[in-house]
Amino acid sequence: MANPNPRDIILAPVVSEKSYGGVQNKRYSFFVDLRADKKQIKRAIEEIFNVTVLKISTQNIKPKPKRLGRSTGSSSRKKRAIVTLGKKDKIGFFESV
């Protein structure tokens, strides 16, 4: 991925109880593009939310089997990025909920 748009890298915030538990420690979770690396994710978060990123951890989530009527299928692959911000930085989207 050569110079992608930051909004193409960050797909959606992770909305779960566990991800909201990390907000007090300045840790925010996002679903990101499968091909994005840590440098691209860092640059995208800093551009979109105007914050300073200290650390990024990524996780590749394997597809899980799902029932589709009588047959079986699977959920799609995903990649999650957990971003740690500086002390004075915060992302308003997570703080308002």
N, C-alpha and C. Protein backbone atom coordinates (compact mmCIF):
# COMPACT_ATOMS: atom_id res chain seq x y z
N MET A 1 0.84 -1.18 0.00
CA MET A 1 0.00 0.00 0.00
C MET A 1 0.88 1.23 0.00
N ALA A 2 0.96 1.91 -1.11
CA ALA A 2 1.80 3.10 -1.23
C ALA A 2 0.95 4.36 -1.04
N ASN A 3 1.22 5.09 0.04
CA ASN A 3 0.54 6.35 0.36
C ASN A 3 -0.98 6.26 0.29
N PRO A 4 -1.60 5.39 1.08
CA PRO A 4 -3.06 5.31 1.07
C PRO A 4 -3.68 6.45 1.87
N ASN A 5 -4.96 6.66 1.63
CA ASN A 5 -5.72 7.64 2.39
C ASN A 5 -5.86 7.12 3.83
N PRO A 6 -5.66 7.96 4.85
CA PRO A 6 -5.77 7.49 6.24
C PRO A 6 -7.13 6.87 6.56
N ARG A 7 -8.16 7.35 5.92
CA ARG A 7 -9.51 6.81 6.17
C ARG A 7 -9.70 5.44 5.53
N ASP A 8 -8.83 5.05 4.60
CA ASP A 8 -8.87 3.71 4.04
C ASP A 8 -8.15 2.70 4.93
N ILE A 9 -7.27 3.17 5.80
CA ILE A 9 -6.53 2.30 6.70
C ILE A 9 -7.36 2.00 7.96
N ILE A 10 -7.91 3.05 8.57
CA ILE A 10 -8.72 2.89 9.79
C ILE A 10 -10.15 2.63 9.34
N LEU A 11 -10.64 1.41 9.57
CA LEU A 11 -11.96 1.03 9.08
C LEU A 11 -13.07 1.37 10.06
N ALA A 12 -12.90 1.02 11.34
CA ALA A 12 -13.96 1.25 12.33
C ALA A 12 -13.37 1.13 13.74
N PRO A 13 -13.99 1.81 14.71
CA PRO A 13 -13.56 1.59 16.09
C PRO A 13 -14.11 0.26 16.60
N VAL A 14 -13.41 -0.35 17.53
CA VAL A 14 -13.89 -1.59 18.15
C VAL A 14 -14.80 -1.19 19.30
N VAL A 15 -16.06 -1.57 19.21
CA VAL A 15 -17.04 -1.20 20.22
C VAL A 15 -17.34 -2.45 21.05
N SER A 16 -16.66 -2.55 22.20
CA SER A 16 -16.88 -3.68 23.10
C SER A 16 -16.59 -3.22 24.52
N GLU A 17 -17.02 -4.02 25.47
CA GLU A 17 -16.80 -3.69 26.86
C GLU A 17 -15.32 -3.66 27.20
N LYS A 18 -14.58 -4.61 26.66
CA LYS A 18 -13.14 -4.69 26.93
C LYS A 18 -12.39 -3.50 26.33
N SER A 19 -12.78 -3.08 25.12
CA SER A 19 -12.08 -1.95 24.50
C SER A 19 -12.37 -0.65 25.23
N TYR A 20 -13.58 -0.48 25.77
CA TYR A 20 -13.88 0.72 26.54
C TYR A 20 -13.19 0.72 27.89
N GLY A 21 -12.82 -0.47 28.39
CA GLY A 21 -12.07 -0.55 29.64
C GLY A 21 -10.67 0.01 29.51
N GLY A 22 -10.10 -0.01 28.32
CA GLY A 22 -8.76 0.52 28.10
C GLY A 22 -8.70 2.02 27.89
N VAL A 23 -9.85 2.68 27.79
CA VAL A 23 -9.87 4.13 27.53
C VAL A 23 -9.25 4.91 28.68
N GLN A 24 -9.43 4.44 29.93
CA GLN A 24 -8.84 5.13 31.08
C GLN A 24 -7.31 5.11 31.01
N ASN A 25 -6.74 4.08 30.38
CA ASN A 25 -5.28 3.97 30.23
C ASN A 25 -4.78 4.52 28.90
N LYS A 26 -5.63 5.28 28.21
CA LYS A 26 -5.29 5.89 26.91
C LYS A 26 -5.03 4.84 25.84
N ARG A 27 -5.74 3.71 25.89
CA ARG A 27 -5.61 2.65 24.89
C ARG A 27 -6.92 2.57 24.11
N TYR A 28 -6.83 2.73 22.80
CA TYR A 28 -7.99 2.73 21.92
C TYR A 28 -7.83 1.63 20.88
N SER A 29 -8.95 0.98 20.52
CA SER A 29 -8.91 -0.14 19.58
C SER A 29 -9.65 0.20 18.30
N PHE A 30 -9.07 -0.21 17.17
CA PHE A 30 -9.66 0.03 15.86
C PHE A 30 -9.50 -1.21 14.99
N PHE A 31 -10.47 -1.44 14.10
CA PHE A 31 -10.28 -2.41 13.03
C PHE A 31 -9.57 -1.68 11.91
N VAL A 32 -8.53 -2.29 11.35
CA VAL A 32 -7.73 -1.66 10.32
C VAL A 32 -7.64 -2.56 9.09
N ASP A 33 -7.14 -2.02 8.00
CA ASP A 33 -6.95 -2.78 6.77
C ASP A 33 -5.95 -3.90 7.01
N LEU A 34 -6.19 -5.05 6.41
CA LEU A 34 -5.32 -6.22 6.60
C LEU A 34 -3.90 -5.99 6.11
N ARG A 35 -3.73 -5.15 5.10
CA ARG A 35 -2.41 -4.92 4.50
C ARG A 35 -1.61 -3.81 5.18
N ALA A 36 -2.22 -3.08 6.13
CA ALA A 36 -1.56 -1.93 6.75
C ALA A 36 -0.53 -2.39 7.77
N ASP A 37 0.61 -1.68 7.80
CA ASP A 37 1.62 -1.97 8.82
C ASP A 37 1.53 -0.92 9.93
N LYS A 38 2.35 -1.08 10.96
CA LYS A 38 2.26 -0.22 12.14
C LYS A 38 2.57 1.24 11.83
N LYS A 39 3.52 1.47 10.94
CA LYS A 39 3.86 2.86 10.58
C LYS A 39 2.68 3.55 9.90
N GLN A 40 2.01 2.85 9.00
CA GLN A 40 0.86 3.42 8.31
C GLN A 40 -0.30 3.66 9.27
N ILE A 41 -0.50 2.74 10.20
CA ILE A 41 -1.57 2.90 11.18
C ILE A 41 -1.29 4.10 12.07
N LYS A 42 -0.05 4.24 12.52
CA LYS A 42 0.33 5.37 13.37
C LYS A 42 0.10 6.69 12.65
N ARG A 43 0.55 6.77 11.40
CA ARG A 43 0.39 8.01 10.63
C ARG A 43 -1.10 8.33 10.42
N ALA A 44 -1.91 7.31 10.17
CA ALA A 44 -3.35 7.52 9.94
C ALA A 44 -4.04 8.01 11.21
N ILE A 45 -3.75 7.41 12.36
CA ILE A 45 -4.36 7.83 13.62
C ILE A 45 -3.97 9.26 13.96
N GLU A 46 -2.69 9.60 13.77
CA GLU A 46 -2.23 10.94 14.07
C GLU A 46 -2.86 11.98 13.16
N GLU A 47 -3.06 11.64 11.88
CA GLU A 47 -3.68 12.59 10.94
C GLU A 47 -5.18 12.76 11.21
N ILE A 48 -5.88 11.67 11.45
CA ILE A 48 -7.33 11.74 11.61
C ILE A 48 -7.72 12.42 12.92
N PHE A 49 -7.08 12.01 14.03
CA PHE A 49 -7.51 12.47 15.35
C PHE A 49 -6.62 13.53 15.96
N ASN A 50 -5.54 13.94 15.31
CA ASN A 50 -4.65 14.99 15.81
C ASN A 50 -4.09 14.67 17.20
N VAL A 51 -3.53 13.49 17.36
CA VAL A 51 -2.99 13.03 18.63
C VAL A 51 -1.57 12.50 18.42
N THR A 52 -0.87 12.21 19.52
CA THR A 52 0.46 11.62 19.46
C THR A 52 0.37 10.16 19.87
N VAL A 53 0.81 9.27 19.00
CA VAL A 53 0.76 7.83 19.26
C VAL A 53 2.09 7.39 19.85
N LEU A 54 2.03 6.71 21.00
CA LEU A 54 3.24 6.20 21.65
C LEU A 54 3.54 4.76 21.27
N LYS A 55 2.49 3.92 21.18
CA LYS A 55 2.68 2.50 20.96
C LYS A 55 1.50 1.93 20.18
N ILE A 56 1.79 0.92 19.35
CA ILE A 56 0.75 0.23 18.59
C ILE A 56 0.97 -1.27 18.71
N SER A 57 -0.10 -1.98 19.01
CA SER A 57 -0.09 -3.45 19.00
C SER A 57 -1.13 -3.88 17.98
N THR A 58 -0.82 -4.87 17.17
CA THR A 58 -1.77 -5.36 16.19
C THR A 58 -2.08 -6.83 16.43
N GLN A 59 -3.29 -7.22 16.07
CA GLN A 59 -3.74 -8.60 16.20
C GLN A 59 -4.44 -9.00 14.92
N ASN A 60 -4.09 -10.17 14.38
CA ASN A 60 -4.82 -10.73 13.25
C ASN A 60 -5.87 -11.67 13.81
N ILE A 61 -7.12 -11.44 13.47
CA ILE A 61 -8.23 -12.22 13.99
C ILE A 61 -8.64 -13.23 12.93
N LYS A 62 -8.56 -14.51 13.29
CA LYS A 62 -8.90 -15.58 12.35
C LYS A 62 -10.42 -15.66 12.16
N PRO A 63 -10.86 -16.15 11.00
CA PRO A 63 -12.30 -16.33 10.79
C PRO A 63 -12.84 -17.45 11.68
N LYS A 64 -14.05 -17.26 12.17
CA LYS A 64 -14.68 -18.27 13.02
C LYS A 64 -15.81 -18.94 12.24
N PRO A 65 -16.04 -20.23 12.46
CA PRO A 65 -17.12 -20.91 11.76
C PRO A 65 -18.48 -20.39 12.21
N LYS A 66 -19.40 -20.25 11.26
CA LYS A 66 -20.75 -19.76 11.52
C LYS A 66 -21.75 -20.67 10.83
N ARG A 67 -22.93 -20.78 11.40
CA ARG A 67 -24.00 -21.55 10.78
C ARG A 67 -24.79 -20.64 9.85
N LEU A 68 -25.05 -21.11 8.66
CA LEU A 68 -25.86 -20.40 7.67
C LEU A 68 -26.98 -21.34 7.24
N GLY A 69 -28.00 -21.46 8.06
CA GLY A 69 -29.06 -22.42 7.78
C GLY A 69 -28.54 -23.83 7.97
N ARG A 70 -28.64 -24.65 6.95
CA ARG A 70 -28.15 -26.03 7.05
C ARG A 70 -26.66 -26.14 6.75
N SER A 71 -26.12 -25.16 6.09
CA SER A 71 -24.70 -25.21 5.74
C SER A 71 -23.87 -24.40 6.73
N THR A 72 -22.57 -24.44 6.57
CA THR A 72 -21.68 -23.66 7.42
C THR A 72 -20.88 -22.69 6.57
N GLY A 73 -20.50 -21.62 7.19
CA GLY A 73 -19.66 -20.62 6.54
C GLY A 73 -18.65 -20.13 7.56
N SER A 74 -18.10 -18.97 7.33
CA SER A 74 -17.18 -18.42 8.31
C SER A 74 -17.24 -16.90 8.26
N SER A 75 -16.88 -16.29 9.40
CA SER A 75 -16.80 -14.84 9.44
C SER A 75 -15.54 -14.40 8.68
N SER A 76 -15.43 -13.12 8.42
CA SER A 76 -14.29 -12.64 7.65
C SER A 76 -13.07 -12.42 8.55
N ARG A 77 -11.89 -12.42 7.94
CA ARG A 77 -10.66 -12.10 8.66
C ARG A 77 -10.67 -10.63 9.00
N LYS A 78 -10.06 -10.28 10.13
CA LYS A 78 -9.97 -8.89 10.55
C LYS A 78 -8.60 -8.64 11.16
N LYS A 79 -8.24 -7.38 11.21
CA LYS A 79 -7.02 -6.97 11.88
C LYS A 79 -7.38 -5.86 12.84
N ARG A 80 -6.94 -5.99 14.09
CA ARG A 80 -7.25 -5.01 15.12
C ARG A 80 -5.96 -4.33 15.54
N ALA A 81 -6.02 -3.02 15.73
CA ALA A 81 -4.88 -2.25 16.23
C ALA A 81 -5.27 -1.63 17.56
N ILE A 82 -4.43 -1.85 18.57
CA ILE A 82 -4.63 -1.22 19.87
C ILE A 82 -3.58 -0.13 19.99
N VAL A 83 -4.05 1.11 20.11
CA VAL A 83 -3.20 2.29 20.04
C VAL A 83 -3.11 2.93 21.42
N THR A 84 -1.89 3.19 21.88
CA THR A 84 -1.67 3.89 23.15
C THR A 84 -1.24 5.32 22.84
N LEU A 85 -1.94 6.28 23.46
CA LEU A 85 -1.68 7.69 23.21
C LEU A 85 -0.88 8.32 24.33
N GLY A 86 -0.42 9.56 24.09
CA GLY A 86 0.29 10.33 25.11
C GLY A 86 -0.64 10.74 26.24
N LYS A 87 -0.06 11.26 27.34
CA LYS A 87 -0.83 11.58 28.54
C LYS A 87 -1.92 12.62 28.31
N LYS A 88 -1.64 13.62 27.51
CA LYS A 88 -2.60 14.71 27.33
C LYS A 88 -3.56 14.48 26.16
N ASP A 89 -3.33 13.45 25.38
CA ASP A 89 -4.16 13.20 24.21
C ASP A 89 -5.34 12.30 24.54
N LYS A 90 -6.44 12.50 23.80
CA LYS A 90 -7.59 11.62 23.90
C LYS A 90 -8.38 11.71 22.61
N ILE A 91 -9.20 10.68 22.36
CA ILE A 91 -10.04 10.64 21.18
C ILE A 91 -11.47 10.82 21.65
N GLY A 92 -12.11 11.87 21.19
CA GLY A 92 -13.43 12.25 21.65
C GLY A 92 -14.53 11.24 21.39
N PHE A 93 -14.39 10.44 20.34
CA PHE A 93 -15.40 9.45 20.00
C PHE A 93 -15.60 8.46 21.14
N PHE A 94 -14.51 8.00 21.75
CA PHE A 94 -14.59 7.03 22.83
C PHE A 94 -14.98 7.67 24.15
N GLU A 95 -14.63 8.92 24.36
CA GLU A 95 -14.88 9.59 25.62
C GLU A 95 -16.36 9.92 25.82
N SER A 96 -17.09 10.14 24.74
CA SER A 96 -18.48 10.59 24.83
C SER A 96 -19.45 9.48 25.20
N VAL A 97 -19.03 8.21 25.05
CA VAL A 97 -19.95 7.10 25.31
C VAL A 97 -19.81 6.61 26.72
